[in-house]
């Protein structure tokens, strides 16, 4: 079974890939990174036929180049700079950076290894390819599509009858059922409801004249763990400082949980509170997190109603509505909702990731606010990072900071 090309535009990725890459292009071109694939589902097996198709799809991906209209669109985004767009005119995915083989229980291993400014771009493209190949080849795709359409109809009806009242952005690239289905989902949410404020998918934002949405991911903070001069427990400080130097507050929603929100708040000082328009939740209890952030703003005399809480942790619409009702009178609230939009069918979605694990040969890790979301190939390093975080928290607690 041979499939049509899955990725047909290099804009078919999340906006934050370009945001992060621009900072790397301007400040950290000396960094190299290694990314590893992981499937968190049990009893998932990728067949030889699937591996062959994935390899062919990656070959096609690496034949793509940015088109003039795509570069012009990136240039129209106010915080994307012209020199970076000119770099993208020359850049393309390099096949030698990706190794695909057989490993582990799923029968699929994927490693991306290369200069960080190039290696990081593969993540979303590869997840799009792996996910679509799996669902088209493991199931009757037409049956899955029929169930997805039925569920989408009900979701749209629930927005229009007032069951759901919140606003959200579609964040569904990485685990979508297919390219064609994410396109349909974004088009219908944008045209048939008043609640979809944009999409993380840059290609679909361009196609449907929507706002492209996204700031940065965990890998951005993680990469600072690979820089010798930076103490591990201070990576949020340096990451946020570089981000502000690059964007001057024009692209400012901070992700809090890379090495725990508790530690993040130590670096989210008065200056950073003022520099960033809000923060994003991606692990742990969202209600406790939201209240913690609100109290942090109040500590600095900032009205929480002027700041944004963006929730993005494995949300469905019922959970989002409950969070919206709880926080709507306390602060600005929005949501980034991915798999529930782009791959809600009669079968369970895959929980697949491709995570940064080494920078310049040094292990890096995400701790998050939920222990099950931690991922690190070097357990000794993970323990060392956890101790570094705990040491700083305890020291500052004892110092009254």
Protein backbone atom coordinates (compact mmCIF):
# COMPACT_ATOMS: atom_id res chain seq x y z
CA UNK A 1 0.00 0.00 0.00
CA UNK A 2 1.67 3.19 -1.22
CA UNK A 3 0.44 6.52 0.08
CA UNK A 4 0.39 9.96 -1.47
CA UNK A 5 2.94 12.42 -0.04
CA UNK A 6 1.97 13.33 3.53
CA UNK A 7 4.00 16.53 3.94
CA UNK A 8 3.72 18.72 0.85
CA UNK A 9 4.82 22.06 2.30
CA UNK A 10 7.58 22.97 4.75
CA UNK A 11 5.08 25.34 6.37
CA UNK A 12 3.09 22.27 7.46
CA UNK A 13 4.49 22.46 10.99
CA UNK A 14 3.92 24.28 14.27
CA UNK A 15 4.74 27.99 14.44
CA UNK A 16 6.90 27.57 17.51
CA UNK A 17 9.43 25.63 15.43
CA UNK A 18 10.20 28.80 13.50
CA UNK A 19 10.09 30.94 16.66
CA UNK A 20 12.63 28.74 18.46
CA UNK A 21 14.75 28.26 15.37
CA UNK A 22 15.09 32.01 14.87
CA UNK A 23 16.58 32.37 18.36
CA UNK A 24 18.98 29.50 17.66
CA UNK A 25 19.90 31.03 14.29
CA UNK A 26 20.76 34.35 15.93
CA UNK A 27 22.37 33.12 19.16
CA UNK A 28 23.26 29.40 19.27
CA UNK A 29 24.29 28.03 15.87
CA UNK A 30 27.07 26.07 17.57
CA UNK A 31 24.63 23.66 19.27
CA UNK A 32 24.04 20.14 17.96
CA UNK A 33 21.10 18.01 19.06
CA UNK A 34 19.87 14.43 19.14
CA UNK A 35 16.14 13.63 19.18
CA UNK A 36 14.60 10.23 19.88
CA UNK A 37 11.17 8.80 19.06
CA UNK A 38 8.95 7.21 21.70
CA UNK A 39 5.46 5.71 21.60
CA UNK A 40 3.76 5.76 25.00
CA UNK A 41 0.89 3.45 23.99
CA UNK A 42 1.02 -0.24 24.81
CA UNK A 43 0.72 -3.03 22.23
CA UNK A 44 1.49 -0.84 19.21
CA UNK A 45 3.52 -2.48 16.45
CA UNK A 46 4.90 -0.85 13.30
CA UNK A 47 5.17 -3.39 10.49
CA UNK A 48 7.90 -3.72 7.87
CA UNK A 49 5.50 -2.23 5.35
CA UNK A 50 4.94 0.78 7.60
CA UNK A 51 8.69 1.30 8.04
CA UNK A 52 9.21 1.20 4.29
CA UNK A 53 6.47 3.77 3.78
CA UNK A 54 7.81 6.02 6.55
CA UNK A 55 11.26 5.95 4.96
CA UNK A 56 9.84 6.85 1.56
CA UNK A 57 7.80 9.69 3.07
CA UNK A 58 10.92 11.07 4.77
CA UNK A 59 12.76 10.87 1.46
CA UNK A 60 10.01 12.99 -0.08
CA UNK A 61 10.09 15.44 2.84
CA UNK A 62 13.78 16.01 2.24
CA UNK A 63 13.12 16.90 -1.40
CA UNK A 64 10.97 19.89 -0.41
CA UNK A 65 12.05 23.53 -0.44
CA UNK A 66 10.28 26.66 0.73
CA UNK A 67 8.29 28.35 -2.03
CA UNK A 68 8.37 32.10 -2.55
CA UNK A 69 4.81 32.59 -1.33
CA UNK A 70 5.62 30.60 1.82
CA UNK A 71 8.67 32.73 2.56
CA UNK A 72 6.65 35.87 1.91
CA UNK A 73 4.03 34.64 4.38
CA UNK A 74 6.65 34.03 7.07
CA UNK A 75 8.03 37.48 6.41
CA UNK A 76 4.54 38.92 7.02
CA UNK A 77 4.53 37.61 10.60
CA UNK A 78 5.68 40.68 12.49
CA UNK A 79 8.24 38.99 14.77
CA UNK A 80 9.85 36.78 12.09
CA UNK A 81 12.93 38.63 10.86
CA UNK A 82 14.07 39.01 7.30
CA UNK A 83 17.56 37.56 7.77
CA UNK A 84 16.03 34.37 9.20
CA UNK A 85 13.62 34.10 6.27
CA UNK A 86 16.57 34.47 3.90
CA UNK A 87 18.28 31.63 5.75
CA UNK A 88 15.15 29.49 5.22
CA UNK A 89 15.37 30.27 1.51
CA UNK A 90 18.60 28.24 1.56
CA UNK A 91 17.62 25.67 4.21
CA UNK A 92 16.04 22.28 3.59
CA UNK A 93 15.66 19.02 5.57
CA UNK A 94 18.78 16.87 5.16
CA UNK A 95 18.11 13.14 4.96
CA UNK A 96 21.42 12.15 6.52
CA UNK A 97 20.28 13.62 9.84
CA UNK A 98 17.47 11.04 10.22
CA UNK A 99 17.96 7.34 11.00
CA UNK A 100 14.93 5.05 10.96
CA UNK A 101 15.10 1.43 12.01
CA UNK A 102 13.69 -1.32 14.21
CA UNK A 103 13.92 -1.14 17.98
CA UNK A 104 11.92 -1.82 21.13
CA UNK A 105 8.39 -3.07 21.54
CA UNK A 106 6.88 -0.97 18.74
CA UNK A 107 9.35 -2.05 16.09
CA UNK A 108 10.16 1.55 15.17
CA UNK A 109 13.17 3.64 16.14
CA UNK A 110 13.77 7.17 14.91
CA UNK A 111 16.82 9.27 15.74
CA UNK A 112 17.49 12.79 14.45
CA UNK A 113 21.09 13.94 14.88
CA UNK A 114 22.52 17.17 13.52
CA UNK A 115 22.97 20.92 14.04
CA UNK A 116 20.19 21.96 16.38
CA UNK A 117 18.86 24.65 14.05
CA UNK A 118 18.22 21.92 11.49
CA UNK A 119 17.55 18.83 13.61
CA UNK A 120 14.79 20.51 15.60
CA UNK A 121 12.73 21.14 12.48
CA UNK A 122 12.23 17.42 11.83
CA UNK A 123 10.08 16.69 14.90
CA UNK A 124 6.66 17.79 13.64
CA UNK A 125 7.17 16.59 10.08
CA UNK A 126 8.21 13.12 11.31
CA UNK A 127 5.32 12.82 13.76
CA UNK A 128 2.87 13.81 11.03
CA UNK A 129 4.33 11.12 8.78
CA UNK A 130 4.47 8.36 11.42
CA UNK A 131 0.95 9.02 12.65
CA UNK A 132 -0.69 9.09 9.25
CA UNK A 133 1.17 6.04 7.97
CA UNK A 134 0.11 4.08 11.04
CA UNK A 135 -3.58 4.93 10.88
CA UNK A 136 -3.89 4.51 7.12
CA UNK A 137 -2.14 1.13 7.16
CA UNK A 138 -3.33 -0.35 10.48
CA UNK A 139 -7.06 0.42 10.08
CA UNK A 140 -9.78 1.00 7.54
CA UNK A 141 -9.08 4.69 7.04
CA UNK A 142 -12.52 5.45 5.58
CA UNK A 143 -14.17 4.09 8.72
CA UNK A 144 -11.93 6.22 10.93
CA UNK A 145 -12.67 9.26 8.81
CA UNK A 146 -16.42 8.67 9.06
CA UNK A 147 -16.23 8.47 12.86
CA UNK A 148 -14.08 11.62 12.98
CA UNK A 149 -16.61 13.54 10.86
CA UNK A 150 -19.49 12.45 13.08
CA UNK A 151 -17.66 13.65 16.18
CA UNK A 152 -16.65 16.94 14.56
CA UNK A 153 -20.28 17.65 13.64
CA UNK A 154 -21.27 17.23 17.30
CA UNK A 155 -18.46 19.50 18.51
CA UNK A 156 -19.41 22.29 16.14
CA UNK A 157 -23.06 21.96 17.13
CA UNK A 158 -22.08 22.23 20.80
CA UNK A 159 -20.26 25.51 20.16
CA UNK A 160 -23.20 26.92 18.26
CA UNK A 161 -25.82 25.93 20.85
CA UNK A 162 -23.81 27.45 23.71
CA UNK A 163 -22.66 24.23 25.36
CA UNK A 164 -19.07 25.39 24.84
CA UNK A 165 -18.24 29.07 25.29
CA UNK A 166 -14.44 29.18 25.40
CA UNK A 167 -12.00 30.24 22.67
CA UNK A 168 -9.21 27.96 21.51
CA UNK A 169 -6.46 27.41 18.98
CA UNK A 170 -6.09 24.17 17.06
CA UNK A 171 -2.78 22.52 18.03
CA UNK A 172 -3.21 19.23 16.16
CA UNK A 173 -0.28 18.86 13.74
CA UNK A 174 1.78 16.23 15.48
CA UNK A 175 -0.87 13.57 16.11
CA UNK A 176 -3.39 14.25 13.39
CA UNK A 177 -5.27 11.48 11.63
CA UNK A 178 -4.08 12.82 8.30
CA UNK A 179 -3.12 16.00 6.51
CA UNK A 180 -6.48 16.16 4.75
CA UNK A 181 -8.37 15.71 8.02
CA UNK A 182 -6.53 18.44 9.92
CA UNK A 183 -7.26 20.74 6.97
CA UNK A 184 -10.97 19.92 7.21
CA UNK A 185 -11.02 20.37 10.98
CA UNK A 186 -9.37 23.80 10.88
CA UNK A 187 -11.51 24.99 7.98
CA UNK A 188 -14.76 23.99 9.66
CA UNK A 189 -13.92 25.28 13.13
CA UNK A 190 -12.84 28.60 11.65
CA UNK A 191 -15.82 29.00 9.31
CA UNK A 192 -18.63 27.41 11.34
CA UNK A 193 -17.87 28.67 14.86
CA UNK A 194 -16.75 31.93 16.42
CA UNK A 195 -14.52 30.17 18.94
CA UNK A 196 -11.45 29.13 16.94
CA UNK A 197 -8.92 31.97 17.26
CA UNK A 198 -6.20 30.36 15.15
CA UNK A 199 -4.00 27.33 14.57
CA UNK A 200 -0.43 26.31 15.32
CA UNK A 201 -0.17 24.93 11.76
CA UNK A 202 1.52 27.66 9.74
CA UNK A 203 0.44 26.26 6.37
CA UNK A 204 -3.23 26.14 7.39
CA UNK A 205 -3.00 29.60 8.96
CA UNK A 206 -1.78 30.90 5.61
CA UNK A 207 -4.37 28.92 3.65
CA UNK A 208 -7.37 30.08 5.70
CA UNK A 209 -6.14 33.54 6.72
CA UNK A 210 -5.99 32.61 10.41
CA UNK A 211 -3.66 33.71 13.17
CA UNK A 212 -0.66 31.36 13.51
CA UNK A 213 -0.23 30.66 17.23
CA UNK A 214 2.69 29.39 19.28
CA UNK A 215 5.68 30.52 21.30
CA UNK A 216 8.19 27.88 22.44
CA UNK A 217 8.37 24.25 23.54
CA UNK A 218 10.23 22.34 26.26
CA UNK A 219 13.15 21.67 23.93
CA UNK A 220 13.95 25.39 23.89
CA UNK A 221 14.60 25.47 27.64
CA UNK A 222 16.20 22.01 27.54
CA UNK A 223 18.82 23.12 25.04
CA UNK A 224 20.35 25.46 27.62
CA UNK A 225 21.21 22.39 29.71
CA UNK A 226 23.76 21.56 27.01
CA UNK A 227 25.63 24.87 27.33
CA UNK A 228 28.57 24.46 29.69
CA UNK A 229 28.51 27.96 31.14
CA UNK A 230 24.88 27.79 32.32
CA UNK A 231 24.02 26.21 35.70
CA UNK A 232 21.29 23.59 35.23
CA UNK A 233 18.86 25.14 37.70
CA UNK A 234 19.06 28.52 35.93
CA UNK A 235 18.17 27.45 32.40
CA UNK A 236 14.74 29.13 32.54
CA UNK A 237 16.44 32.44 33.33
CA UNK A 238 18.75 32.28 30.33
CA UNK A 239 16.07 30.93 28.01
CA UNK A 240 13.62 33.70 28.88
CA UNK A 241 16.32 36.35 28.66
CA UNK A 242 17.37 35.26 25.17
CA UNK A 243 13.71 35.09 24.13
CA UNK A 244 13.08 38.63 25.31
CA UNK A 245 16.27 39.87 23.62
CA UNK A 246 15.02 38.35 20.36
CA UNK A 247 11.35 39.36 20.49
CA UNK A 248 11.20 42.33 22.89
CA UNK A 249 7.93 41.08 24.37
CA UNK A 250 6.21 40.73 21.00
CA UNK A 251 6.04 36.93 21.15
CA UNK A 252 5.67 36.33 24.83
CA UNK A 253 3.88 33.33 26.29
CA UNK A 254 6.26 31.42 28.57
CA UNK A 255 6.12 27.66 29.11
CA UNK A 256 6.47 26.98 32.83
CA UNK A 257 7.07 23.28 33.44
CA UNK A 258 10.30 22.23 31.68
CA UNK A 259 12.11 21.92 35.02
CA UNK A 260 8.98 22.37 37.20
CA UNK A 261 6.76 25.42 37.55
CA UNK A 262 7.95 25.94 41.12
CA UNK A 263 11.47 26.62 39.89
CA UNK A 264 10.23 28.59 36.85
CA UNK A 265 8.57 31.09 39.18
CA UNK A 266 11.93 31.81 40.84
CA UNK A 267 13.09 33.23 37.50
CA UNK A 268 9.74 34.72 36.50
CA UNK A 269 10.62 37.92 38.35
CA UNK A 270 9.10 41.39 38.09
CA UNK A 271 10.92 42.10 34.85
CA UNK A 272 9.86 38.87 33.21
CA UNK A 273 6.29 39.15 34.49
CA UNK A 274 6.09 42.48 32.71
CA UNK A 275 7.90 41.25 29.59
CA UNK A 276 5.64 38.25 28.93
CA UNK A 277 1.92 38.49 28.16
CA UNK A 278 1.15 35.16 29.78
CA UNK A 279 2.16 31.58 30.52
CA UNK A 280 1.29 28.11 29.19
CA UNK A 281 0.27 25.03 31.18
CA UNK A 282 1.33 21.59 29.93
CA UNK A 283 1.45 19.25 32.93
CA UNK A 284 0.18 18.79 36.47
CA UNK A 285 -3.11 19.90 38.03
CA UNK A 286 -4.32 22.84 35.89
CA UNK A 287 -6.41 24.38 38.68
CA UNK A 288 -3.57 24.40 41.22
CA UNK A 289 -1.23 25.68 38.53
CA UNK A 290 -3.59 28.50 37.55
CA UNK A 291 -4.06 29.63 41.14
CA UNK A 292 -0.29 29.54 41.68
CA UNK A 293 0.28 31.75 38.65
CA UNK A 294 -2.44 34.20 39.68
CA UNK A 295 -0.91 34.55 43.16
CA UNK A 296 2.49 35.09 41.56
CA UNK A 297 1.14 37.99 39.49
CA UNK A 298 -0.49 39.51 42.56
CA UNK A 299 2.80 39.30 44.46
CA UNK A 300 4.27 41.72 41.92
CA UNK A 301 1.23 43.98 41.92
CA UNK A 302 0.11 42.86 38.47
CA UNK A 303 -3.59 42.50 37.73
CA UNK A 304 -4.06 38.85 36.62
CA UNK A 305 -6.88 40.00 34.34
CA UNK A 306 -4.25 41.64 32.13
CA UNK A 307 -2.38 38.34 31.65
CA UNK A 308 -3.14 35.12 29.75
CA UNK A 309 -3.33 31.57 31.04
CA UNK A 310 -3.01 29.21 28.06
CA UNK A 311 -3.91 25.59 28.81
CA UNK A 312 -2.61 22.87 26.47
CA UNK A 313 -2.27 19.60 28.39
CA UNK A 314 -4.21 16.76 26.69
CA UNK A 315 -7.45 18.72 26.66
CA UNK A 316 -10.90 17.83 25.42
CA UNK A 317 -13.69 20.37 25.13
CA UNK A 318 -15.46 19.38 28.35
CA UNK A 319 -12.29 19.88 30.38
CA UNK A 320 -11.60 23.16 28.62
CA UNK A 321 -15.10 24.47 29.34
CA UNK A 322 -14.76 23.66 33.05
CA UNK A 323 -11.39 25.42 33.21
CA UNK A 324 -12.81 28.41 31.36
CA UNK A 325 -15.74 28.77 33.74
CA UNK A 326 -13.41 28.51 36.74
CA UNK A 327 -10.84 31.08 35.57
CA UNK A 328 -12.73 33.43 33.22
CA UNK A 329 -13.41 36.06 35.87
CA UNK A 330 -9.90 35.87 37.28
CA UNK A 331 -7.69 36.20 34.22
CA UNK A 332 -7.58 35.93 30.44
CA UNK A 333 -8.01 32.29 29.40
CA UNK A 334 -7.38 30.41 26.19
CA UNK A 335 -6.64 26.87 25.10
CA UNK A 336 -4.43 24.99 22.69
CA UNK A 337 -6.21 21.75 21.81
CA UNK A 338 -4.53 19.18 19.63
CA UNK A 339 -5.35 15.49 19.37
CA UNK A 340 -8.98 15.95 20.44
CA UNK A 341 -9.40 18.18 17.38
CA UNK A 342 -7.28 16.41 14.78
CA UNK A 343 -7.50 12.70 15.71
CA UNK A 344 -10.70 11.99 17.64
CA UNK A 345 -12.02 8.78 16.05
CA UNK A 346 -13.49 5.42 17.00
CA UNK A 347 -10.00 4.14 17.97
CA UNK A 348 -7.48 5.47 20.46
CA UNK A 349 -5.00 8.03 19.18
CA UNK A 350 -1.28 7.36 19.36
CA UNK A 351 0.65 9.12 22.11
CA UNK A 352 3.90 9.57 20.22
CA UNK A 353 6.70 12.05 20.80
CA UNK A 354 10.13 12.92 19.44
CA UNK A 355 12.10 14.55 22.22
CA UNK A 356 15.44 16.32 22.47
CA UNK A 357 17.75 14.09 24.54
CA UNK A 358 21.30 15.36 23.94
CA UNK A 359 22.83 18.76 23.19
CA UNK A 360 26.51 18.91 22.21
CA UNK A 361 26.86 15.36 23.51
CA UNK A 362 25.43 16.18 26.94
CA UNK A 363 22.16 14.64 28.13
CA UNK A 364 19.19 16.96 28.64
CA UNK A 365 15.80 16.30 30.20
CA UNK A 366 12.32 17.60 30.84
CA UNK A 367 11.06 17.21 34.41
CA UNK A 368 7.55 18.72 34.03
CA UNK A 369 4.97 18.94 36.83
CA UNK A 370 3.80 15.35 36.24
CA UNK A 371 6.41 12.62 36.87
CA UNK A 372 5.06 10.41 34.06
CA UNK A 373 5.94 13.02 31.45
CA UNK A 374 9.66 13.10 32.30
CA UNK A 375 11.85 11.73 29.51
CA UNK A 376 15.60 11.20 29.64
CA UNK A 377 17.82 8.46 28.23
CA UNK A 378 20.44 9.02 30.95
CA UNK A 379 18.96 8.15 34.36
CA UNK A 380 22.05 9.33 36.22
CA UNK A 381 21.76 12.74 34.58
CA UNK A 382 18.02 12.89 35.33
CA UNK A 383 18.77 12.33 39.01
CA UNK A 384 21.49 14.99 38.89
CA UNK A 385 19.10 17.50 37.30
CA UNK A 386 16.41 16.75 39.89
CA UNK A 387 18.94 17.30 42.67
CA UNK A 388 20.11 20.56 41.12
CA UNK A 389 16.54 21.84 40.99
CA UNK A 390 15.82 20.71 44.56
CA UNK A 391 19.06 22.29 45.82
CA UNK A 392 18.24 25.69 44.38
CA UNK A 393 14.66 25.59 45.65
CA UNK A 394 15.78 24.61 49.15
CA UNK A 395 18.58 27.16 49.24
CA UNK A 396 16.33 30.02 48.21
CA UNK A 397 13.65 28.88 50.62
CA UNK A 398 16.18 29.01 53.45
CA UNK A 399 17.39 32.40 52.30
CA UNK A 400 13.83 33.71 52.23
CA UNK A 401 13.96 34.37 48.48
